[in-house]
């Protein structure tokens, strides 16, 4: 992590994207490799 950086949770990402009009959200998380992938439509 970089000082002052905020890491968003999958739930926060989903909420923020929904609030700005995205839909059909898919959030895939790989805890072992520490990554996530988000796809959505607008």
Protein backbone atom coordinates (compact mmCIF):
# COMPACT_ATOMS: atom_id res chain seq x y z
CA UNK A 1 0.00 0.00 0.00
CA UNK A 2 1.02 3.56 -0.68
CA UNK A 3 0.63 6.10 2.11
CA UNK A 4 -2.77 7.76 1.82
CA UNK A 5 -4.05 5.13 -0.64
CA UNK A 6 -7.48 3.62 -0.06
CA UNK A 7 -8.21 0.07 -1.16
CA UNK A 8 -11.86 -0.42 -2.04
CA UNK A 9 -13.69 -3.59 -1.12
CA UNK A 10 -15.64 -5.43 -3.82
CA UNK A 11 -18.84 -4.21 -2.11
CA UNK A 12 -17.68 -0.57 -2.23
CA UNK A 13 -16.76 -0.90 -5.91
CA UNK A 14 -20.15 -2.41 -6.69
CA UNK A 15 -21.95 0.37 -4.76
CA UNK A 16 -20.02 3.22 -6.41
CA UNK A 17 -20.43 1.83 -9.92
CA UNK A 18 -24.15 1.23 -9.39
CA UNK A 19 -24.56 4.79 -8.06
CA UNK A 20 -23.13 6.26 -11.29
CA UNK A 21 -25.32 4.17 -13.57
CA UNK A 22 -23.48 0.93 -14.27
CA UNK A 23 -25.40 -2.36 -14.30
CA UNK A 24 -24.77 -6.05 -14.94
CA UNK A 25 -21.82 -5.86 -12.56
CA UNK A 26 -19.59 -8.85 -12.06
CA UNK A 27 -16.84 -8.73 -9.45
CA UNK A 28 -14.39 -11.63 -9.41
CA UNK A 29 -11.91 -11.82 -6.52
CA UNK A 30 -8.81 -14.01 -6.24
CA UNK A 31 -7.69 -13.71 -2.62
CA UNK A 32 -4.69 -16.00 -3.13
CA UNK A 33 -3.18 -13.83 -5.86
CA UNK A 34 -4.60 -10.60 -4.37
CA UNK A 35 -6.46 -9.29 -7.40
CA UNK A 36 -9.98 -8.54 -8.50
CA UNK A 37 -11.60 -8.04 -11.88
CA UNK A 38 -14.71 -5.94 -12.46
CA UNK A 39 -16.90 -5.89 -15.56
CA UNK A 40 -20.01 -3.76 -15.99
CA UNK A 41 -22.24 -2.15 -18.60
CA UNK A 42 -23.36 1.43 -18.90
